[in-house]
Amino acid sequence: DIEFNFPFGFKELEGIHSRTDFDLKAHEEYSGRKLQYFDAELNQNYVPYVVETSVGLDRMFLAVFATSLKEETLEDGSTRTVLKLPAVLAPTKAAVLPLVKKDGLPEISKKIIDDLKWDFNVAYDEKDAVGRRYRRQDALGTPFCITVDHQTIEDQTVTIRHRDTMKQDRVAIADLKSIIENEVSMKNWLMKM
């Protein structure tokens, strides 16, 4: 069996059972039909052995969730709860946050949402100060927060904040899709491993 060290101790994640040829021979006996494989090199028939694996989605989810949920102490002494799900598994890939609820920033934010929603599950949040919104998205496991501010109106750029590092970069709105795609792509994620 494969076991995982959960916060409450080692528990089975996947059971692996060698059933030998018992199951297929029993099926042959009760169905009256042959369930054999012909090996051309050996020029003979045989009943194959079966290896049965059993893994539950709930156990797999719990393992990912348990290793992803973190409580971090920041440089200023405050703490944040962050769900560091791999970006490919995060249900919401990005949240778009207008800095304020006026001056056309919500409208620009909604245009960004309208563009990104075809490729990613994205959220919109305008409630509370932007720092609180960052913390809320950290706890939800959202890998990116995109902040629309007054500079956006001037040069069509936004601030993209990375959940895991809290690093912020100024990028063009036109580049958002490729930046997010690069980080949430299953192919790119697997190649990094």
N, C-alpha and C. Protein backbone atom coordinates (compact mmCIF):
# COMPACT_ATOMS: atom_id res chain seq x y z
N ASP A 1 0.83 -1.19 0.00
CA ASP A 1 0.00 0.00 0.00
C ASP A 1 0.88 1.25 0.00
N ILE A 2 0.29 2.33 -0.49
CA ILE A 2 0.97 3.62 -0.47
C ILE A 2 0.33 4.43 0.65
N GLU A 3 1.18 4.89 1.57
CA GLU A 3 0.69 5.68 2.69
C GLU A 3 1.17 7.11 2.57
N PHE A 4 0.41 8.01 3.20
CA PHE A 4 0.72 9.44 3.17
C PHE A 4 0.77 9.94 4.60
N ASN A 5 1.73 10.82 4.88
CA ASN A 5 1.84 11.37 6.23
C ASN A 5 0.93 12.59 6.36
N PHE A 6 -0.31 12.34 6.74
CA PHE A 6 -1.29 13.40 6.97
C PHE A 6 -0.94 14.11 8.28
N PRO A 7 -1.52 15.27 8.55
CA PRO A 7 -1.27 15.94 9.84
C PRO A 7 -1.65 15.07 11.05
N PHE A 8 -2.52 14.09 10.84
CA PHE A 8 -2.94 13.20 11.93
C PHE A 8 -2.26 11.83 11.85
N GLY A 9 -1.17 11.73 11.08
CA GLY A 9 -0.38 10.50 11.01
C GLY A 9 -0.46 9.81 9.65
N PHE A 10 0.32 8.75 9.51
CA PHE A 10 0.35 7.99 8.26
C PHE A 10 -0.96 7.23 8.07
N LYS A 11 -1.56 7.40 6.91
CA LYS A 11 -2.79 6.69 6.55
C LYS A 11 -2.67 6.23 5.09
N GLU A 12 -3.42 5.19 4.77
CA GLU A 12 -3.38 4.65 3.41
C GLU A 12 -3.92 5.66 2.41
N LEU A 13 -3.17 5.86 1.34
CA LEU A 13 -3.61 6.71 0.24
C LEU A 13 -4.11 5.84 -0.91
N GLU A 14 -3.41 4.73 -1.13
CA GLU A 14 -3.78 3.83 -2.22
C GLU A 14 -3.48 2.40 -1.80
N GLY A 15 -4.45 1.53 -2.03
CA GLY A 15 -4.24 0.10 -1.77
C GLY A 15 -3.88 -0.59 -3.07
N ILE A 16 -2.88 -1.44 -3.02
CA ILE A 16 -2.44 -2.19 -4.21
C ILE A 16 -2.50 -3.67 -3.85
N HIS A 17 -3.26 -4.44 -4.62
CA HIS A 17 -3.50 -5.84 -4.29
C HIS A 17 -3.17 -6.73 -5.49
N SER A 18 -2.34 -7.71 -5.27
CA SER A 18 -2.05 -8.71 -6.30
C SER A 18 -3.12 -9.79 -6.20
N ARG A 19 -3.99 -9.85 -7.19
CA ARG A 19 -5.10 -10.80 -7.19
C ARG A 19 -4.72 -12.11 -7.89
N THR A 20 -3.49 -12.22 -8.34
CA THR A 20 -3.00 -13.36 -9.14
C THR A 20 -4.02 -13.63 -10.24
N ASP A 21 -4.29 -14.91 -10.53
CA ASP A 21 -5.26 -15.21 -11.58
C ASP A 21 -6.60 -15.65 -10.99
N PHE A 22 -6.79 -15.41 -9.70
CA PHE A 22 -7.99 -15.86 -8.99
C PHE A 22 -9.28 -15.30 -9.62
N ASP A 23 -9.35 -13.99 -9.83
CA ASP A 23 -10.59 -13.37 -10.32
C ASP A 23 -10.96 -13.87 -11.71
N LEU A 24 -9.99 -13.87 -12.62
CA LEU A 24 -10.30 -14.27 -13.98
C LEU A 24 -10.63 -15.76 -14.08
N LYS A 25 -9.98 -16.60 -13.28
CA LYS A 25 -10.32 -18.03 -13.27
C LYS A 25 -11.74 -18.24 -12.73
N ALA A 26 -12.11 -17.46 -11.72
CA ALA A 26 -13.47 -17.56 -11.18
C ALA A 26 -14.49 -17.12 -12.23
N HIS A 27 -14.19 -16.06 -12.97
CA HIS A 27 -15.09 -15.61 -14.04
C HIS A 27 -15.22 -16.69 -15.11
N GLU A 28 -14.09 -17.30 -15.46
CA GLU A 28 -14.13 -18.39 -16.45
C GLU A 28 -15.04 -19.52 -15.97
N GLU A 29 -14.87 -19.89 -14.72
CA GLU A 29 -15.63 -21.02 -14.16
C GLU A 29 -17.13 -20.74 -14.18
N TYR A 30 -17.53 -19.55 -13.74
CA TYR A 30 -18.96 -19.26 -13.61
C TYR A 30 -19.61 -18.75 -14.89
N SER A 31 -18.84 -18.20 -15.81
CA SER A 31 -19.43 -17.72 -17.07
C SER A 31 -19.33 -18.75 -18.18
N GLY A 32 -18.43 -19.69 -18.03
CA GLY A 32 -18.25 -20.70 -19.08
C GLY A 32 -17.50 -20.16 -20.28
N ARG A 33 -16.88 -18.99 -20.15
CA ARG A 33 -16.12 -18.39 -21.27
C ARG A 33 -14.66 -18.30 -20.88
N LYS A 34 -13.81 -18.47 -21.88
CA LYS A 34 -12.37 -18.36 -21.64
C LYS A 34 -11.97 -16.90 -21.51
N LEU A 35 -11.14 -16.63 -20.53
CA LEU A 35 -10.58 -15.29 -20.34
C LEU A 35 -9.07 -15.44 -20.32
N GLN A 36 -8.55 -15.91 -21.44
CA GLN A 36 -7.13 -16.22 -21.50
C GLN A 36 -6.44 -15.35 -22.54
N TYR A 37 -5.13 -15.28 -22.37
CA TYR A 37 -4.27 -14.53 -23.28
C TYR A 37 -3.42 -15.53 -24.03
N PHE A 38 -3.28 -15.34 -25.35
CA PHE A 38 -2.41 -16.21 -26.14
C PHE A 38 -1.07 -15.52 -26.33
N ASP A 39 -0.01 -16.17 -25.85
CA ASP A 39 1.35 -15.66 -25.99
C ASP A 39 1.97 -16.33 -27.21
N ALA A 40 2.17 -15.55 -28.26
CA ALA A 40 2.67 -16.10 -29.52
C ALA A 40 4.10 -16.62 -29.38
N GLU A 41 4.91 -15.98 -28.55
CA GLU A 41 6.30 -16.45 -28.37
C GLU A 41 6.35 -17.80 -27.69
N LEU A 42 5.50 -18.00 -26.70
CA LEU A 42 5.47 -19.28 -25.98
C LEU A 42 4.53 -20.29 -26.64
N ASN A 43 3.70 -19.79 -27.56
CA ASN A 43 2.72 -20.60 -28.26
C ASN A 43 1.78 -21.30 -27.27
N GLN A 44 1.27 -20.52 -26.29
CA GLN A 44 0.34 -21.10 -25.32
C GLN A 44 -0.60 -20.04 -24.76
N ASN A 45 -1.72 -20.51 -24.24
CA ASN A 45 -2.70 -19.66 -23.57
C ASN A 45 -2.46 -19.68 -22.07
N TYR A 46 -2.75 -18.56 -21.42
CA TYR A 46 -2.74 -18.54 -19.96
C TYR A 46 -3.70 -17.47 -19.45
N VAL A 47 -4.11 -17.63 -18.21
CA VAL A 47 -4.96 -16.63 -17.55
C VAL A 47 -4.03 -15.61 -16.91
N PRO A 48 -4.13 -14.34 -17.30
CA PRO A 48 -3.23 -13.32 -16.76
C PRO A 48 -3.50 -13.03 -15.28
N TYR A 49 -2.47 -12.56 -14.62
CA TYR A 49 -2.60 -12.08 -13.25
C TYR A 49 -3.15 -10.66 -13.28
N VAL A 50 -3.82 -10.29 -12.23
CA VAL A 50 -4.41 -8.96 -12.13
C VAL A 50 -3.84 -8.25 -10.91
N VAL A 51 -3.43 -6.99 -11.10
CA VAL A 51 -3.04 -6.14 -9.99
C VAL A 51 -4.13 -5.08 -9.86
N GLU A 52 -4.78 -5.07 -8.72
CA GLU A 52 -5.90 -4.16 -8.48
C GLU A 52 -5.43 -3.01 -7.58
N THR A 53 -5.67 -1.79 -8.04
CA THR A 53 -5.35 -0.64 -7.20
C THR A 53 -6.64 0.06 -6.80
N SER A 54 -6.60 0.68 -5.66
CA SER A 54 -7.77 1.38 -5.16
C SER A 54 -7.30 2.69 -4.54
N VAL A 55 -7.73 3.78 -5.14
CA VAL A 55 -7.39 5.09 -4.58
C VAL A 55 -8.67 5.92 -4.56
N GLY A 56 -8.90 6.59 -3.47
CA GLY A 56 -10.11 7.39 -3.35
C GLY A 56 -9.83 8.85 -3.62
N LEU A 57 -10.75 9.48 -4.31
CA LEU A 57 -10.61 10.90 -4.60
C LEU A 57 -10.60 11.72 -3.32
N ASP A 58 -11.38 11.31 -2.34
CA ASP A 58 -11.43 12.06 -1.09
C ASP A 58 -10.08 12.04 -0.37
N ARG A 59 -9.41 10.89 -0.38
CA ARG A 59 -8.09 10.80 0.27
C ARG A 59 -7.05 11.63 -0.49
N MET A 60 -7.13 11.58 -1.83
CA MET A 60 -6.20 12.35 -2.65
C MET A 60 -6.40 13.85 -2.42
N PHE A 61 -7.66 14.28 -2.40
CA PHE A 61 -7.97 15.69 -2.15
C PHE A 61 -7.46 16.12 -0.78
N LEU A 62 -7.69 15.28 0.23
CA LEU A 62 -7.25 15.61 1.58
C LEU A 62 -5.73 15.74 1.65
N ALA A 63 -5.01 14.86 0.94
CA ALA A 63 -3.54 14.93 0.93
C ALA A 63 -3.05 16.24 0.30
N VAL A 64 -3.64 16.62 -0.83
CA VAL A 64 -3.25 17.87 -1.49
C VAL A 64 -3.61 19.06 -0.61
N PHE A 65 -4.81 19.04 -0.06
CA PHE A 65 -5.27 20.15 0.77
C PHE A 65 -4.41 20.28 2.03
N ALA A 66 -4.12 19.15 2.68
CA ALA A 66 -3.35 19.18 3.93
C ALA A 66 -1.94 19.72 3.73
N THR A 67 -1.33 19.43 2.59
CA THR A 67 0.03 19.92 2.35
C THR A 67 0.03 21.34 1.80
N SER A 68 -1.09 21.81 1.32
CA SER A 68 -1.15 23.14 0.71
C SER A 68 -1.55 24.25 1.69
N LEU A 69 -2.29 23.92 2.71
CA LEU A 69 -2.77 24.94 3.64
C LEU A 69 -1.66 25.34 4.61
N LYS A 70 -1.27 26.60 4.57
CA LYS A 70 -0.14 27.10 5.37
C LYS A 70 -0.55 28.33 6.17
N GLU A 71 0.07 28.47 7.30
CA GLU A 71 -0.04 29.69 8.11
C GLU A 71 1.37 30.29 8.10
N GLU A 72 1.52 31.48 7.52
CA GLU A 72 2.84 32.09 7.38
C GLU A 72 2.95 33.35 8.23
N THR A 73 4.12 33.54 8.82
CA THR A 73 4.42 34.78 9.52
C THR A 73 5.20 35.67 8.56
N LEU A 74 4.72 36.88 8.37
CA LEU A 74 5.33 37.81 7.43
C LEU A 74 6.39 38.67 8.12
N GLU A 75 7.15 39.41 7.33
CA GLU A 75 8.24 40.25 7.85
C GLU A 75 7.77 41.23 8.91
N ASP A 76 6.55 41.75 8.77
CA ASP A 76 6.05 42.73 9.73
C ASP A 76 5.47 42.09 10.99
N GLY A 77 5.55 40.75 11.10
CA GLY A 77 5.05 40.05 12.27
C GLY A 77 3.60 39.58 12.14
N SER A 78 2.91 40.06 11.12
CA SER A 78 1.53 39.61 10.92
C SER A 78 1.55 38.20 10.30
N THR A 79 0.39 37.57 10.30
CA THR A 79 0.30 36.23 9.71
C THR A 79 -0.70 36.23 8.58
N ARG A 80 -0.54 35.27 7.70
CA ARG A 80 -1.52 35.08 6.65
C ARG A 80 -1.77 33.59 6.49
N THR A 81 -3.01 33.26 6.21
CA THR A 81 -3.39 31.89 5.88
C THR A 81 -3.41 31.82 4.36
N VAL A 82 -2.67 30.87 3.83
CA VAL A 82 -2.58 30.76 2.37
C VAL A 82 -2.74 29.30 1.96
N LEU A 83 -3.55 29.09 0.95
CA LEU A 83 -3.76 27.77 0.39
C LEU A 83 -2.89 27.67 -0.86
N LYS A 84 -1.69 27.10 -0.69
CA LYS A 84 -0.71 27.05 -1.78
C LYS A 84 -0.93 25.85 -2.68
N LEU A 85 -2.15 25.79 -3.23
CA LEU A 85 -2.44 24.74 -4.21
C LEU A 85 -1.56 24.96 -5.43
N PRO A 86 -1.09 23.89 -6.05
CA PRO A 86 -0.42 24.10 -7.33
C PRO A 86 -1.37 24.86 -8.26
N ALA A 87 -0.84 25.82 -8.99
CA ALA A 87 -1.68 26.69 -9.83
C ALA A 87 -2.56 25.89 -10.78
N VAL A 88 -2.07 24.74 -11.25
CA VAL A 88 -2.88 23.92 -12.17
C VAL A 88 -4.11 23.35 -11.48
N LEU A 89 -4.08 23.20 -10.16
CA LEU A 89 -5.21 22.63 -9.42
C LEU A 89 -6.11 23.69 -8.80
N ALA A 90 -5.65 24.91 -8.72
CA ALA A 90 -6.45 25.97 -8.10
C ALA A 90 -7.75 26.17 -8.88
N PRO A 91 -8.89 26.16 -8.18
CA PRO A 91 -10.15 26.33 -8.90
C PRO A 91 -10.28 27.69 -9.58
N THR A 92 -9.86 28.75 -8.89
CA THR A 92 -9.88 30.09 -9.47
C THR A 92 -8.44 30.48 -9.77
N LYS A 93 -8.16 30.82 -11.01
CA LYS A 93 -6.78 31.10 -11.42
C LYS A 93 -6.36 32.54 -11.12
N ALA A 94 -7.30 33.47 -11.18
CA ALA A 94 -6.95 34.87 -10.94
C ALA A 94 -8.16 35.63 -10.41
N ALA A 95 -7.88 36.66 -9.63
CA ALA A 95 -8.91 37.58 -9.16
C ALA A 95 -8.54 38.97 -9.67
N VAL A 96 -9.52 39.67 -10.18
CA VAL A 96 -9.30 41.02 -10.69
C VAL A 96 -9.88 41.99 -9.67
N LEU A 97 -9.04 42.93 -9.24
CA LEU A 97 -9.38 43.83 -8.15
C LEU A 97 -9.20 45.29 -8.58
N PRO A 98 -10.27 46.05 -8.73
CA PRO A 98 -10.09 47.49 -8.96
C PRO A 98 -9.63 48.13 -7.66
N LEU A 99 -8.67 49.01 -7.73
CA LEU A 99 -8.14 49.65 -6.52
C LEU A 99 -9.23 50.39 -5.76
N VAL A 100 -10.10 51.09 -6.50
CA VAL A 100 -11.25 51.78 -5.91
C VAL A 100 -12.48 51.49 -6.76
N LYS A 101 -13.65 51.75 -6.19
CA LYS A 101 -14.91 51.47 -6.89
C LYS A 101 -15.41 52.68 -7.68
N LYS A 102 -14.51 53.43 -8.27
CA LYS A 102 -14.91 54.62 -9.04
C LYS A 102 -13.85 54.91 -10.10
N ASP A 103 -14.01 56.02 -10.79
CA ASP A 103 -13.04 56.51 -11.78
C ASP A 103 -12.86 55.56 -12.97
N GLY A 104 -13.85 54.71 -13.22
CA GLY A 104 -13.77 53.80 -14.37
C GLY A 104 -12.97 52.54 -14.11
N LEU A 105 -12.41 52.37 -12.91
CA LEU A 105 -11.60 51.18 -12.62
C LEU A 105 -12.43 49.89 -12.59
N PRO A 106 -13.66 49.90 -12.02
CA PRO A 106 -14.46 48.68 -12.10
C PRO A 106 -14.79 48.27 -13.54
N GLU A 107 -15.02 49.26 -14.39
CA GLU A 107 -15.35 48.95 -15.79
C GLU A 107 -14.16 48.30 -16.50
N ILE A 108 -12.96 48.83 -16.28
CA ILE A 108 -11.76 48.23 -16.87
C ILE A 108 -11.57 46.81 -16.31
N SER A 109 -11.79 46.66 -15.02
CA SER A 109 -11.65 45.35 -14.38
C SER A 109 -12.59 44.33 -15.01
N LYS A 110 -13.82 44.75 -15.24
CA LYS A 110 -14.81 43.83 -15.82
C LYS A 110 -14.48 43.49 -17.27
N LYS A 111 -13.84 44.42 -17.99
CA LYS A 111 -13.39 44.10 -19.35
C LYS A 111 -12.29 43.04 -19.31
N ILE A 112 -11.41 43.14 -18.33
CA ILE A 112 -10.35 42.14 -18.17
C ILE A 112 -10.98 40.78 -17.86
N ILE A 113 -11.95 40.77 -16.95
CA ILE A 113 -12.68 39.54 -16.61
C ILE A 113 -13.31 38.95 -17.87
N ASP A 114 -13.98 39.79 -18.65
CA ASP A 114 -14.65 39.31 -19.86
C ASP A 114 -13.67 38.67 -20.84
N ASP A 115 -12.44 39.16 -20.86
CA ASP A 115 -11.43 38.59 -21.76
C ASP A 115 -10.87 37.27 -21.21
N LEU A 116 -10.58 37.24 -19.91
CA LEU A 116 -9.93 36.06 -19.31
C LEU A 116 -10.88 34.90 -19.05
N LYS A 117 -12.16 35.19 -18.86
CA LYS A 117 -13.11 34.14 -18.45
C LYS A 117 -13.27 33.03 -19.49
N TRP A 118 -12.88 33.26 -20.72
CA TRP A 118 -12.99 32.23 -21.75
C TRP A 118 -11.93 31.15 -21.59
N ASP A 119 -10.85 31.50 -20.91
CA ASP A 119 -9.74 30.56 -20.75
C ASP A 119 -9.51 30.10 -19.31
N PHE A 120 -9.97 30.89 -18.34
CA PHE A 120 -9.69 30.59 -16.94
C PHE A 120 -10.91 30.91 -16.09
N ASN A 121 -10.98 30.26 -14.94
CA ASN A 121 -11.97 30.64 -13.95
C ASN A 121 -11.39 31.84 -13.19
N VAL A 122 -12.04 32.97 -13.30
CA VAL A 122 -11.55 34.20 -12.69
C VAL A 122 -12.64 34.80 -11.79
N ALA A 123 -12.20 35.59 -10.81
CA ALA A 123 -13.13 36.21 -9.87
C ALA A 123 -12.95 37.72 -9.89
N TYR A 124 -13.98 38.40 -9.43
CA TYR A 124 -13.96 39.86 -9.30
C TYR A 124 -14.21 40.19 -7.84
N ASP A 125 -13.43 41.12 -7.29
CA ASP A 125 -13.60 41.49 -5.89
C ASP A 125 -13.30 42.97 -5.73
N GLU A 126 -14.28 43.72 -5.22
CA GLU A 126 -14.09 45.15 -4.98
C GLU A 126 -14.39 45.54 -3.54
N LYS A 127 -14.65 44.54 -2.68
CA LYS A 127 -15.03 44.82 -1.29
C LYS A 127 -13.81 44.89 -0.39
N ASP A 128 -13.71 45.88 0.45
CA ASP A 128 -12.64 46.09 1.43
C ASP A 128 -11.38 46.67 0.76
N ALA A 129 -10.38 46.93 1.60
CA ALA A 129 -9.10 47.44 1.12
C ALA A 129 -8.40 46.35 0.32
N VAL A 130 -7.53 46.76 -0.58
CA VAL A 130 -6.89 45.79 -1.47
C VAL A 130 -6.06 44.76 -0.70
N GLY A 131 -5.44 45.15 0.41
CA GLY A 131 -4.68 44.20 1.22
C GLY A 131 -5.55 43.10 1.78
N ARG A 132 -6.74 43.45 2.22
CA ARG A 132 -7.68 42.43 2.72
C ARG A 132 -8.14 41.52 1.60
N ARG A 133 -8.31 42.09 0.41
CA ARG A 133 -8.71 41.26 -0.74
C ARG A 133 -7.59 40.29 -1.11
N TYR A 134 -6.34 40.75 -1.04
CA TYR A 134 -5.21 39.84 -1.28
C TYR A 134 -5.25 38.67 -0.30
N ARG A 135 -5.44 38.98 0.98
CA ARG A 135 -5.46 37.93 2.01
C ARG A 135 -6.62 36.96 1.77
N ARG A 136 -7.75 37.49 1.36
CA ARG A 136 -8.92 36.64 1.09
C ARG A 136 -8.62 35.68 -0.06
N GLN A 137 -8.01 36.20 -1.10
CA GLN A 137 -7.67 35.34 -2.25
C GLN A 137 -6.55 34.35 -1.90
N ASP A 138 -5.61 34.77 -1.03
CA ASP A 138 -4.57 33.85 -0.55
C ASP A 138 -5.21 32.64 0.12
N ALA A 139 -6.19 32.89 0.99
CA ALA A 139 -6.85 31.81 1.73
C ALA A 139 -7.67 30.91 0.82
N LEU A 140 -8.13 31.46 -0.31
CA LEU A 140 -8.91 30.67 -1.27
C LEU A 140 -8.02 29.89 -2.24
N GLY A 141 -6.72 30.20 -2.24
CA GLY A 141 -5.79 29.50 -3.12
C GLY A 141 -5.66 30.09 -4.51
N THR A 142 -6.15 31.30 -4.73
CA THR A 142 -6.07 31.94 -6.04
C THR A 142 -4.61 32.33 -6.32
N PRO A 143 -4.00 31.79 -7.39
CA PRO A 143 -2.58 32.04 -7.62
C PRO A 143 -2.22 33.48 -7.98
N PHE A 144 -3.15 34.22 -8.61
CA PHE A 144 -2.84 35.58 -9.07
C PHE A 144 -3.93 36.56 -8.69
N CYS A 145 -3.50 37.75 -8.28
CA CYS A 145 -4.40 38.88 -8.11
C CYS A 145 -3.95 39.96 -9.08
N ILE A 146 -4.90 40.48 -9.83
CA ILE A 146 -4.62 41.51 -10.83
C ILE A 146 -5.28 42.80 -10.33
N THR A 147 -4.46 43.80 -10.04
CA THR A 147 -4.98 45.07 -9.51
C THR A 147 -5.01 46.12 -10.60
N VAL A 148 -6.19 46.70 -10.76
CA VAL A 148 -6.40 47.77 -11.74
C VAL A 148 -6.39 49.08 -10.95
N ASP A 149 -5.49 50.01 -11.36
CA ASP A 149 -5.37 51.29 -10.66
C ASP A 149 -5.40 52.45 -11.65
N HIS A 150 -5.12 53.63 -11.17
CA HIS A 150 -5.21 54.81 -12.05
C HIS A 150 -4.16 54.80 -13.15
N GLN A 151 -3.02 54.17 -12.91
CA GLN A 151 -2.00 54.08 -13.97
C GLN A 151 -2.52 53.22 -15.14
N THR A 152 -3.41 52.29 -14.84
CA THR A 152 -4.00 51.43 -15.88
C THR A 152 -4.67 52.27 -16.95
N ILE A 153 -5.34 53.31 -16.52
CA ILE A 153 -6.05 54.20 -17.46
C ILE A 153 -5.05 54.85 -18.42
N GLU A 154 -3.88 55.21 -17.89
CA GLU A 154 -2.86 55.90 -18.70
C GLU A 154 -2.13 54.99 -19.67
N ASP A 155 -1.72 53.79 -19.20
CA ASP A 155 -0.82 52.98 -20.04
C ASP A 155 -1.26 51.53 -20.27
N GLN A 156 -2.48 51.20 -19.87
CA GLN A 156 -3.01 49.84 -20.07
C GLN A 156 -2.15 48.75 -19.42
N THR A 157 -1.62 49.06 -18.24
CA THR A 157 -0.87 48.07 -17.47
C THR A 157 -1.59 47.84 -16.14
N VAL A 158 -1.33 46.69 -15.53
CA VAL A 158 -1.90 46.34 -14.24
C VAL A 158 -0.80 45.75 -13.37
N THR A 159 -1.09 45.62 -12.09
CA THR A 159 -0.16 44.94 -11.19
C THR A 159 -0.66 43.51 -11.02
N ILE A 160 0.22 42.55 -11.26
CA ILE A 160 -0.12 41.15 -11.02
C ILE A 160 0.68 40.69 -9.81
N ARG A 161 -0.03 40.15 -8.84
CA ARG A 161 0.58 39.70 -7.59
C ARG A 161 0.54 38.18 -7.54
N HIS A 162 1.70 37.61 -7.23
CA HIS A 162 1.84 36.16 -7.16
C HIS A 162 1.57 35.70 -5.73
N ARG A 163 0.63 34.80 -5.56
CA ARG A 163 0.20 34.34 -4.23
C ARG A 163 1.35 33.80 -3.38
N ASP A 164 2.17 32.92 -3.93
CA ASP A 164 3.16 32.22 -3.12
C ASP A 164 4.30 33.12 -2.66
N THR A 165 4.72 34.05 -3.50
CA THR A 165 5.85 34.92 -3.15
C THR A 165 5.41 36.31 -2.73
N MET A 166 4.17 36.67 -3.04
CA MET A 166 3.62 38.01 -2.83
C MET A 166 4.34 39.06 -3.69
N LYS A 167 5.14 38.61 -4.64
CA LYS A 167 5.84 39.50 -5.57
C LYS A 167 4.82 40.15 -6.49
N GLN A 168 5.05 41.43 -6.79
CA GLN A 168 4.15 42.16 -7.67
C GLN A 168 4.92 42.67 -8.88
N ASP A 169 4.33 42.48 -10.06
CA ASP A 169 4.94 42.93 -11.31
C ASP A 169 3.95 43.79 -12.07
N ARG A 170 4.48 44.80 -12.72
CA ARG A 170 3.64 45.65 -13.58
C ARG A 170 3.70 45.05 -14.98
N VAL A 171 2.55 44.70 -15.54
CA VAL A 171 2.49 44.05 -16.85
C VAL A 171 1.39 44.67 -17.70
N ALA A 172 1.50 44.49 -18.99
CA ALA A 172 0.48 44.98 -19.91
C ALA A 172 -0.76 44.09 -19.81
N ILE A 173 -1.92 44.69 -19.91
CA ILE A 173 -3.17 43.92 -19.90
C ILE A 173 -3.14 42.86 -21.00
N ALA A 174 -2.58 43.22 -22.14
CA ALA A 174 -2.51 42.30 -23.27
C ALA A 174 -1.69 41.05 -22.98
N ASP A 175 -0.80 41.12 -21.99
CA ASP A 175 0.06 39.97 -21.66
C ASP A 175 -0.51 39.07 -20.57
N LEU A 176 -1.62 39.45 -19.95
CA LEU A 176 -2.15 38.69 -18.82
C LEU A 176 -2.45 37.24 -19.18
N LYS A 177 -3.11 37.04 -20.30
CA LYS A 177 -3.50 35.67 -20.68
C LYS A 177 -2.29 34.76 -20.79
N SER A 178 -1.23 35.21 -21.45
CA SER A 178 -0.05 34.35 -21.63
C SER A 178 0.69 34.13 -20.31
N ILE A 179 0.72 35.13 -19.44
CA ILE A 179 1.38 34.99 -18.13
C ILE A 179 0.66 33.92 -17.31
N ILE A 180 -0.66 34.03 -17.24
CA ILE A 180 -1.44 33.06 -16.46
C ILE A 180 -1.36 31.68 -17.09
N GLU A 181 -1.50 31.61 -18.39
CA GLU A 181 -1.44 30.32 -19.10
C GLU A 181 -0.13 29.61 -18.83
N ASN A 182 0.96 30.34 -18.84
CA ASN A 182 2.27 29.75 -18.59
C ASN A 182 2.34 29.11 -17.21
N GLU A 183 1.70 29.74 -16.23
CA GLU A 183 1.76 29.23 -14.85
C GLU A 183 0.75 28.13 -14.56
N VAL A 184 -0.38 28.11 -15.25
CA VAL A 184 -1.41 27.11 -14.94
C VAL A 184 -1.44 25.96 -15.93
N SER A 185 -0.54 25.96 -16.89
CA SER A 185 -0.48 24.90 -17.89
C SER A 185 0.01 23.60 -17.25
N MET A 186 -0.74 22.52 -17.46
CA MET A 186 -0.35 21.21 -16.93
C MET A 186 0.99 20.79 -17.51
N LYS A 187 1.20 21.02 -18.78
CA LYS A 187 2.46 20.66 -19.42
C LYS A 187 3.63 21.37 -18.76
N ASN A 188 3.53 22.68 -18.57
CA ASN A 188 4.62 23.44 -17.95
C ASN A 188 4.85 23.01 -16.51
N TRP A 189 3.77 22.72 -15.80
CA TRP A 189 3.88 22.29 -14.40
C TRP A 189 4.62 20.95 -14.31
N LEU A 190 4.25 20.03 -15.17
CA LEU A 190 4.89 18.71 -15.15
C LEU A 190 6.36 18.79 -15.58
N MET A 191 6.67 19.69 -16.50
CA MET A 191 8.07 19.83 -16.96
C MET A 191 8.96 20.40 -15.87
N LYS A 192 8.40 21.14 -14.91
CA LYS A 192 9.18 21.71 -13.83
C LYS A 192 9.54 20.66 -12.78
N MET A 193 8.82 19.57 -12.77
CA MET A 193 9.03 18.54 -11.73
C MET A 193 10.25 17.70 -12.00
